[in-house]
Every structure is written in C-alpha cells, then in structure tokens.
Amino acid sequence: MPLFKKRAVGKPGEWYYCLEHKKVEEGPECPAKDRFGPYASRKEAEQAMETARERNLEWENDPKWHDAPASSEDS
C-alpha cells in the first residue's frame, strides 16, 4: 500500500493554468511544478500568464527587491 497518492484530486471550482500544455484545467490534472493556481474562476486562470507578467514587472521595479550595490574596495 503506497504512503502517498500519485496524483492530487482537484476540487470542483478550483481552476489552474498548465504551463506545459498551455491550457486551463478544473482541478489539478498536471503536476504542481507545471501549473499556476488555484484560481477562483476559469477567467482568472485564463489570464494567469498576463497576471504573472504584470507581477514580474512590479517586482522588477520595486526597490525593496533589489540588493544594495556592492561596494568596491580596490584601494
């Protein structure tokens, strides 16, 4: 008897975006490493890549996410 289930069973109403197949799925069909979610609606899952792009731009421009420049002590 296996200790762990091979596959997570999705709940109805939980939506995911599969990065491998580039499709929306209700309940996780693909492994967690290949998906974004869960989302509350199909429409949110369909916009997953755009949401990720917007968040990445916000983080890239957020000064809290950038380290202080390294000081050069070449004297």
PDB file of N, CA and C in Angstrom:
ATOM      1  N   MET A   1       0.844  -1.187   0.000  1.00  0.00           N
ATOM      2  CA  MET A   1       0.000   0.000   0.000  1.00  0.00           C
ATOM      3  C   MET A   1       0.885   1.246   0.000  1.00  0.00           C
ATOM      4  N   PRO A   2       0.741   2.123  -0.966  1.00  0.00           N
ATOM      5  CA  PRO A   2       1.590   3.309  -1.050  1.00  0.00           C
ATOM      6  C   PRO A   2       1.259   4.311   0.054  1.00  0.00           C
ATOM      7  N   LEU A   3       2.290   5.022   0.488  1.00  0.00           N
ATOM      8  CA  LEU A   3       2.102   6.035   1.526  1.00  0.00           C
ATOM      9  C   LEU A   3       1.562   7.339   0.956  1.00  0.00           C
ATOM     10  N   PHE A   4       1.890   7.618  -0.283  1.00  0.00           N
ATOM     11  CA  PHE A   4       1.479   8.874  -0.890  1.00  0.00           C
ATOM     12  C   PHE A   4       0.686   8.605  -2.156  1.00  0.00           C
ATOM     13  N   LYS A   5      -0.308   9.436  -2.384  1.00  0.00           N
ATOM     14  CA  LYS A   5      -1.072   9.326  -3.620  1.00  0.00           C
ATOM     15  C   LYS A   5      -0.221   9.877  -4.758  1.00  0.00           C
ATOM     16  N   LYS A   6      -0.350   9.273  -5.915  1.00  0.00           N
ATOM     17  CA  LYS A   6       0.412   9.731  -7.073  1.00  0.00           C
ATOM     18  C   LYS A   6      -0.095  11.070  -7.585  1.00  0.00           C
ATOM     19  N   ARG A   7      -1.364  11.328  -7.441  1.00  0.00           N
ATOM     20  CA  ARG A   7      -1.971  12.474  -8.087  1.00  0.00           C
ATOM     21  C   ARG A   7      -2.953  13.155  -7.151  1.00  0.00           C
ATOM     22  N   ALA A   8      -2.890  14.469  -7.084  1.00  0.00           N
ATOM     23  CA  ALA A   8      -3.838  15.219  -6.283  1.00  0.00           C
ATOM     24  C   ALA A   8      -5.173  15.274  -7.014  1.00  0.00           C
ATOM     25  N   VAL A   9      -6.226  15.104  -6.269  1.00  0.00           N
ATOM     26  CA  VAL A   9      -7.553  15.188  -6.855  1.00  0.00           C
ATOM     27  C   VAL A   9      -8.044  16.611  -6.684  1.00  0.00           C
ATOM     28  N   GLY A  10      -8.467  17.196  -7.756  1.00  0.00           N
ATOM     29  CA  GLY A  10      -8.924  18.579  -7.714  1.00  0.00           C
ATOM     30  C   GLY A  10     -10.313  18.707  -7.144  1.00  0.00           C
ATOM     31  N   LYS A  11     -10.583  19.891  -6.651  1.00  0.00           N
ATOM     32  CA  LYS A  11     -11.912  20.200  -6.146  1.00  0.00           C
ATOM     33  C   LYS A  11     -12.678  20.930  -7.244  1.00  0.00           C
ATOM     34  N   PRO A  12     -13.935  20.631  -7.400  1.00  0.00           N
ATOM     35  CA  PRO A  12     -14.718  21.385  -8.376  1.00  0.00           C
ATOM     36  C   PRO A  12     -14.676  22.876  -8.030  1.00  0.00           C
ATOM     37  N   GLY A  13     -14.497  23.694  -9.029  1.00  0.00           N
ATOM     38  CA  GLY A  13     -14.437  25.131  -8.812  1.00  0.00           C
ATOM     39  C   GLY A  13     -13.038  25.665  -8.603  1.00  0.00           C
ATOM     40  N   GLU A  14     -12.029  24.809  -8.516  1.00  0.00           N
ATOM     41  CA  GLU A  14     -10.635  25.251  -8.452  1.00  0.00           C
ATOM     42  C   GLU A  14     -10.067  25.163  -9.855  1.00  0.00           C
ATOM     43  N   TRP A  15      -9.541  26.275 -10.334  1.00  0.00           N
ATOM     44  CA  TRP A  15      -9.030  26.345 -11.687  1.00  0.00           C
ATOM     45  C   TRP A  15      -7.528  26.546 -11.679  1.00  0.00           C
ATOM     46  N   TYR A  16      -6.857  25.935 -12.637  1.00  0.00           N
ATOM     47  CA  TYR A  16      -5.402  26.000 -12.759  1.00  0.00           C
ATOM     48  C   TYR A  16      -5.028  26.315 -14.200  1.00  0.00           C
ATOM     49  N   TYR A  17      -3.827  26.850 -14.383  1.00  0.00           N
ATOM     50  CA  TYR A  17      -3.289  27.044 -15.720  1.00  0.00           C
ATOM     51  C   TYR A  17      -2.074  26.141 -15.849  1.00  0.00           C
ATOM     52  N   CYS A  18      -2.099  25.216 -16.797  1.00  0.00           N
ATOM     53  CA  CYS A  18      -0.997  24.291 -17.020  1.00  0.00           C
ATOM     54  C   CYS A  18       0.036  24.948 -17.919  1.00  0.00           C
ATOM     55  N   LEU A  19       1.255  25.088 -17.401  1.00  0.00           N
ATOM     56  CA  LEU A  19       2.342  25.718 -18.146  1.00  0.00           C
ATOM     57  C   LEU A  19       2.866  24.823 -19.265  1.00  0.00           C
ATOM     58  N   GLU A  20       2.772  23.527 -19.079  1.00  0.00           N
ATOM     59  CA  GLU A  20       3.274  22.582 -20.075  1.00  0.00           C
ATOM     60  C   GLU A  20       2.352  22.505 -21.295  1.00  0.00           C
ATOM     61  N   HIS A  21       1.045  22.385 -21.027  1.00  0.00           N
ATOM     62  CA  HIS A  21       0.080  22.223 -22.113  1.00  0.00           C
ATOM     63  C   HIS A  21      -0.567  23.539 -22.542  1.00  0.00           C
ATOM     64  N   LYS A  22      -0.268  24.599 -21.785  1.00  0.00           N
ATOM     65  CA  LYS A  22      -0.804  25.937 -22.076  1.00  0.00           C
ATOM     66  C   LYS A  22      -2.322  25.911 -22.174  1.00  0.00           C
ATOM     67  N   LYS A  23      -2.940  25.328 -21.124  1.00  0.00           N
ATOM     68  CA  LYS A  23      -4.396  25.256 -21.102  1.00  0.00           C
ATOM     69  C   LYS A  23      -4.904  25.389 -19.674  1.00  0.00           C
ATOM     70  N   VAL A  24      -6.173  25.750 -19.569  1.00  0.00           N
ATOM     71  CA  VAL A  24      -6.849  25.871 -18.284  1.00  0.00           C
ATOM     72  C   VAL A  24      -7.443  24.515 -17.947  1.00  0.00           C
ATOM     73  N   GLU A  25      -7.349  24.141 -16.671  1.00  0.00           N
ATOM     74  CA  GLU A  25      -7.936  22.872 -16.237  1.00  0.00           C
ATOM     75  C   GLU A  25      -8.663  23.066 -14.914  1.00  0.00           C
ATOM     76  N   GLU A  26      -9.772  22.383 -14.770  1.00  0.00           N
ATOM     77  CA  GLU A  26     -10.510  22.427 -13.497  1.00  0.00           C
ATOM     78  C   GLU A  26      -9.984  21.311 -12.627  1.00  0.00           C
ATOM     79  N   GLY A  27      -9.504  21.692 -11.456  1.00  0.00           N
ATOM     80  CA  GLY A  27      -8.845  20.710 -10.603  1.00  0.00           C
ATOM     81  C   GLY A  27      -7.476  20.416 -11.194  1.00  0.00           C
ATOM     82  N   PRO A  28      -6.502  20.073 -10.378  1.00  0.00           N
ATOM     83  CA  PRO A  28      -5.168  19.838 -10.933  1.00  0.00           C
ATOM     84  C   PRO A  28      -5.132  18.539 -11.732  1.00  0.00           C
ATOM     85  N   GLU A  29      -4.797  18.667 -12.984  1.00  0.00           N
ATOM     86  CA  GLU A  29      -4.611  17.486 -13.833  1.00  0.00           C
ATOM     87  C   GLU A  29      -3.130  17.200 -14.008  1.00  0.00           C
ATOM     88  N   CYS A  30      -2.324  18.258 -14.014  1.00  0.00           N
ATOM     89  CA  CYS A  30      -0.886  18.123 -14.231  1.00  0.00           C
ATOM     90  C   CYS A  30      -0.143  18.332 -12.903  1.00  0.00           C
ATOM     91  N   PRO A  31       1.115  17.917 -12.821  1.00  0.00           N
ATOM     92  CA  PRO A  31       1.889  18.076 -11.586  1.00  0.00           C
ATOM     93  C   PRO A  31       2.004  19.546 -11.174  1.00  0.00           C
ATOM     94  N   ALA A  32       2.165  19.782  -9.888  1.00  0.00           N
ATOM     95  CA  ALA A  32       2.238  21.134  -9.335  1.00  0.00           C
ATOM     96  C   ALA A  32       3.362  21.946  -9.969  1.00  0.00           C
ATOM     97  N   LYS A  33       4.456  21.305 -10.328  1.00  0.00           N
ATOM     98  CA  LYS A  33       5.593  22.027 -10.916  1.00  0.00           C
ATOM     99  C   LYS A  33       5.254  22.619 -12.279  1.00  0.00           C
ATOM    100  N   ASP A  34       4.160  22.163 -12.888  1.00  0.00           N
ATOM    101  CA  ASP A  34       3.790  22.595 -14.232  1.00  0.00           C
ATOM    102  C   ASP A  34       2.542  23.469 -14.261  1.00  0.00           C
ATOM    103  N   ARG A  35       2.130  24.029 -13.116  1.00  0.00           N
ATOM    104  CA  ARG A  35       0.879  24.784 -13.141  1.00  0.00           C
ATOM    105  C   ARG A  35       0.895  25.992 -12.213  1.00  0.00           C
ATOM    106  N   PHE A  36       0.048  26.953 -12.536  1.00  0.00           N
ATOM    107  CA  PHE A  36      -0.247  28.091 -11.673  1.00  0.00           C
ATOM    108  C   PHE A  36      -1.642  27.860 -11.117  1.00  0.00           C
ATOM    109  N   GLY A  37      -1.878  28.300  -9.886  1.00  0.00           N
ATOM    110  CA  GLY A  37      -3.220  28.207  -9.321  1.00  0.00           C
ATOM    111  C   GLY A  37      -3.172  27.684  -7.916  1.00  0.00           C
ATOM    112  N   PRO A  38      -4.279  27.532  -7.290  1.00  0.00           N
ATOM    113  CA  PRO A  38      -5.624  27.565  -7.858  1.00  0.00           C
ATOM    114  C   PRO A  38      -6.159  28.995  -7.994  1.00  0.00           C
ATOM    115  N   TYR A  39      -7.065  29.139  -8.945  1.00  0.00           N
ATOM    116  CA  TYR A  39      -7.782  30.383  -9.165  1.00  0.00           C
ATOM    117  C   TYR A  39      -9.252  30.141  -8.859  1.00  0.00           C
ATOM    118  N   ALA A  40      -9.949  31.207  -8.521  1.00  0.00           N
ATOM    119  CA  ALA A  40     -11.364  31.100  -8.146  1.00  0.00           C
ATOM    120  C   ALA A  40     -12.273  30.905  -9.354  1.00  0.00           C
ATOM    121  N   SER A  41     -11.815  31.310 -10.533  1.00  0.00           N
ATOM    122  CA  SER A  41     -12.669  31.191 -11.716  1.00  0.00           C
ATOM    123  C   SER A  41     -11.838  30.783 -12.937  1.00  0.00           C
ATOM    124  N   ARG A  42     -12.540  30.290 -13.936  1.00  0.00           N
ATOM    125  CA  ARG A  42     -11.891  29.916 -15.186  1.00  0.00           C
ATOM    126  C   ARG A  42     -11.244  31.146 -15.829  1.00  0.00           C
ATOM    127  N   LYS A  43     -11.947  32.282 -15.768  1.00  0.00           N
ATOM    128  CA  LYS A  43     -11.441  33.508 -16.384  1.00  0.00           C
ATOM    129  C   LYS A  43     -10.110  33.928 -15.745  1.00  0.00           C
ATOM    130  N   GLU A  44     -10.004  33.840 -14.410  1.00  0.00           N
ATOM    131  CA  GLU A  44      -8.740  34.174 -13.740  1.00  0.00           C
ATOM    132  C   GLU A  44      -7.619  33.251 -14.209  1.00  0.00           C
ATOM    133  N   ALA A  45      -7.922  31.970 -14.343  1.00  0.00           N
ATOM    134  CA  ALA A  45      -6.913  31.003 -14.792  1.00  0.00           C
ATOM    135  C   ALA A  45      -6.490  31.289 -16.237  1.00  0.00           C
ATOM    136  N   GLU A  46      -7.441  31.713 -17.074  1.00  0.00           N
ATOM    137  CA  GLU A  46      -7.109  32.041 -18.461  1.00  0.00           C
ATOM    138  C   GLU A  46      -6.146  33.226 -18.537  1.00  0.00           C
ATOM    139  N   GLN A  47      -6.184  34.102 -17.549  1.00  0.00           N
ATOM    140  CA  GLN A  47      -5.333  35.293 -17.532  1.00  0.00           C
ATOM    141  C   GLN A  47      -4.061  35.085 -16.706  1.00  0.00           C
ATOM    142  N   ALA A  48      -3.750  33.849 -16.363  1.00  0.00           N
ATOM    143  CA  ALA A  48      -2.617  33.552 -15.478  1.00  0.00           C
ATOM    144  C   ALA A  48      -1.292  34.093 -16.000  1.00  0.00           C
ATOM    145  N   MET A  49      -1.015  33.937 -17.272  1.00  0.00           N
ATOM    146  CA  MET A  49       0.271  34.386 -17.818  1.00  0.00           C
ATOM    147  C   MET A  49       0.364  35.910 -17.815  1.00  0.00           C
ATOM    148  N   GLU A  50      -0.726  36.593 -18.121  1.00  0.00           N
ATOM    149  CA  GLU A  50      -0.728  38.054 -18.093  1.00  0.00           C
ATOM    150  C   GLU A  50      -0.548  38.548 -16.660  1.00  0.00           C
ATOM    151  N   THR A  51      -1.219  37.904 -15.713  1.00  0.00           N
ATOM    152  CA  THR A  51      -1.072  38.263 -14.299  1.00  0.00           C
ATOM    153  C   THR A  51       0.377  38.081 -13.861  1.00  0.00           C
ATOM    154  N   ALA A  52       0.998  36.989 -14.274  1.00  0.00           N
ATOM    155  CA  ALA A  52       2.399  36.727 -13.924  1.00  0.00           C
ATOM    156  C   ALA A  52       3.317  37.791 -14.517  1.00  0.00           C
ATOM    157  N   ARG A  53       3.078  38.176 -15.775  1.00  0.00           N
ATOM    158  CA  ARG A  53       3.883  39.228 -16.415  1.00  0.00           C
ATOM    159  C   ARG A  53       3.767  40.549 -15.652  1.00  0.00           C
ATOM    160  N   GLU A  54       2.542  40.912 -15.283  1.00  0.00           N
ATOM    161  CA  GLU A  54       2.322  42.165 -14.549  1.00  0.00           C
ATOM    162  C   GLU A  54       3.031  42.137 -13.194  1.00  0.00           C
ATOM    163  N   ARG A  55       2.927  41.026 -12.489  1.00  0.00           N
ATOM    164  CA  ARG A  55       3.578  40.918 -11.175  1.00  0.00           C
ATOM    165  C   ARG A  55       5.095  40.953 -11.306  1.00  0.00           C
ATOM    166  N   ASN A  56       5.629  40.312 -12.324  1.00  0.00           N
ATOM    167  CA  ASN A  56       7.083  40.333 -12.535  1.00  0.00           C
ATOM    168  C   ASN A  56       7.573  41.751 -12.779  1.00  0.00           C
ATOM    169  N   LEU A  57       6.830  42.517 -13.575  1.00  0.00           N
ATOM    170  CA  LEU A  57       7.212  43.913 -13.829  1.00  0.00           C
ATOM    171  C   LEU A  57       7.172  44.735 -12.540  1.00  0.00           C
ATOM    172  N   GLU A  58       6.139  44.517 -11.725  1.00  0.00           N
ATOM    173  CA  GLU A  58       6.050  45.225 -10.444  1.00  0.00           C
ATOM    174  C   GLU A  58       7.252  44.901  -9.565  1.00  0.00           C
ATOM    175  N   TRP A  59       7.607  43.628  -9.484  1.00  0.00           N
ATOM    176  CA  TRP A  59       8.727  43.216  -8.630  1.00  0.00           C
ATOM    177  C   TRP A  59      10.053  43.744  -9.164  1.00  0.00           C
ATOM    178  N   GLU A  60      10.222  43.739 -10.478  1.00  0.00           N
ATOM    179  CA  GLU A  60      11.473  44.233 -11.067  1.00  0.00           C
ATOM    180  C   GLU A  60      11.673  45.717 -10.791  1.00  0.00           C
ATOM    181  N   ASN A  61      10.580  46.443 -10.653  1.00  0.00           N
ATOM    182  CA  ASN A  61      10.654  47.883 -10.431  1.00  0.00           C
ATOM    183  C   ASN A  61      10.487  48.267  -8.964  1.00  0.00           C
ATOM    184  N   ASP A  62      10.399  47.300  -8.081  1.00  0.00           N
ATOM    185  CA  ASP A  62      10.227  47.568  -6.654  1.00  0.00           C
ATOM    186  C   ASP A  62      11.608  47.648  -5.993  1.00  0.00           C
ATOM    187  N   PRO A  63      11.975  48.807  -5.443  1.00  0.00           N
ATOM    188  CA  PRO A  63      13.310  48.946  -4.850  1.00  0.00           C
ATOM    189  C   PRO A  63      13.558  48.009  -3.668  1.00  0.00           C
ATOM    190  N   LYS A  64      12.509  47.532  -3.022  1.00  0.00           N
ATOM    191  CA  LYS A  64      12.691  46.604  -1.890  1.00  0.00           C
ATOM    192  C   LYS A  64      13.252  45.258  -2.343  1.00  0.00           C
ATOM    193  N   TRP A  65      13.122  44.922  -3.639  1.00  0.00           N
ATOM    194  CA  TRP A  65      13.578  43.632  -4.135  1.00  0.00           C
ATOM    195  C   TRP A  65      15.000  43.673  -4.675  1.00  0.00           C
ATOM    196  N   HIS A  66      15.612  44.836  -4.693  1.00  0.00           N
ATOM    197  CA  HIS A  66      16.967  44.953  -5.237  1.00  0.00           C
ATOM    198  C   HIS A  66      17.953  45.100  -4.090  1.00  0.00           C
ATOM    199  N   ASP A  67      19.032  44.352  -4.168  1.00  0.00           N
ATOM    200  CA  ASP A  67      20.091  44.453  -3.161  1.00  0.00           C
ATOM    201  C   ASP A  67      20.830  45.765  -3.342  1.00  0.00           C
ATOM    202  N   ALA A  68      21.411  46.199  -2.255  1.00  0.00           N
ATOM    203  CA  ALA A  68      22.250  47.399  -2.333  1.00  0.00           C
ATOM    204  C   ALA A  68      23.457  47.091  -3.209  1.00  0.00           C
ATOM    205  N   PRO A  69      23.928  48.062  -3.970  1.00  0.00           N
ATOM    206  CA  PRO A  69      25.093  47.793  -4.817  1.00  0.00           C
ATOM    207  C   PRO A  69      26.307  47.403  -3.990  1.00  0.00           C
ATOM    208  N   ALA A  70      27.081  46.496  -4.507  1.00  0.00           N
ATOM    209  CA  ALA A  70      28.286  46.028  -3.806  1.00  0.00           C
ATOM    210  C   ALA A  70      29.308  47.156  -3.779  1.00  0.00           C
ATOM    211  N   SER A  71      29.914  47.328  -2.623  1.00  0.00           N
ATOM    212  CA  SER A  71      30.944  48.374  -2.519  1.00  0.00           C
ATOM    213  C   SER A  71      32.270  47.808  -3.013  1.00  0.00           C
ATOM    214  N   SER A  72      32.971  48.581  -3.802  1.00  0.00           N
ATOM    215  CA  SER A  72      34.256  48.112  -4.309  1.00  0.00           C
ATOM    216  C   SER A  72      35.368  48.682  -3.439  1.00  0.00           C
ATOM    217  N   GLU A  73      36.165  47.806  -2.907  1.00  0.00           N
ATOM    218  CA  GLU A  73      37.275  48.217  -2.042  1.00  0.00           C
ATOM    219  C   GLU A  73      38.587  47.857  -2.725  1.00  0.00           C
ATOM    220  N   ASP A  74      38.835  48.472  -3.873  1.00  0.00           N
ATOM    221  CA  ASP A  74      40.027  48.181  -4.669  1.00  0.00           C
ATOM    222  C   ASP A  74      41.165  49.159  -4.364  1.00  0.00           C
ATOM    223  N   SER A  75      41.165  49.809  -3.229  1.00  0.00           N
ATOM    224  CA  SER A  75      42.193  50.826  -2.921  1.00  0.00           C
ATOM    225  C   SER A  75      43.515  50.200  -2.596  1.00  0.00           C
TER     226      SER A  75
END
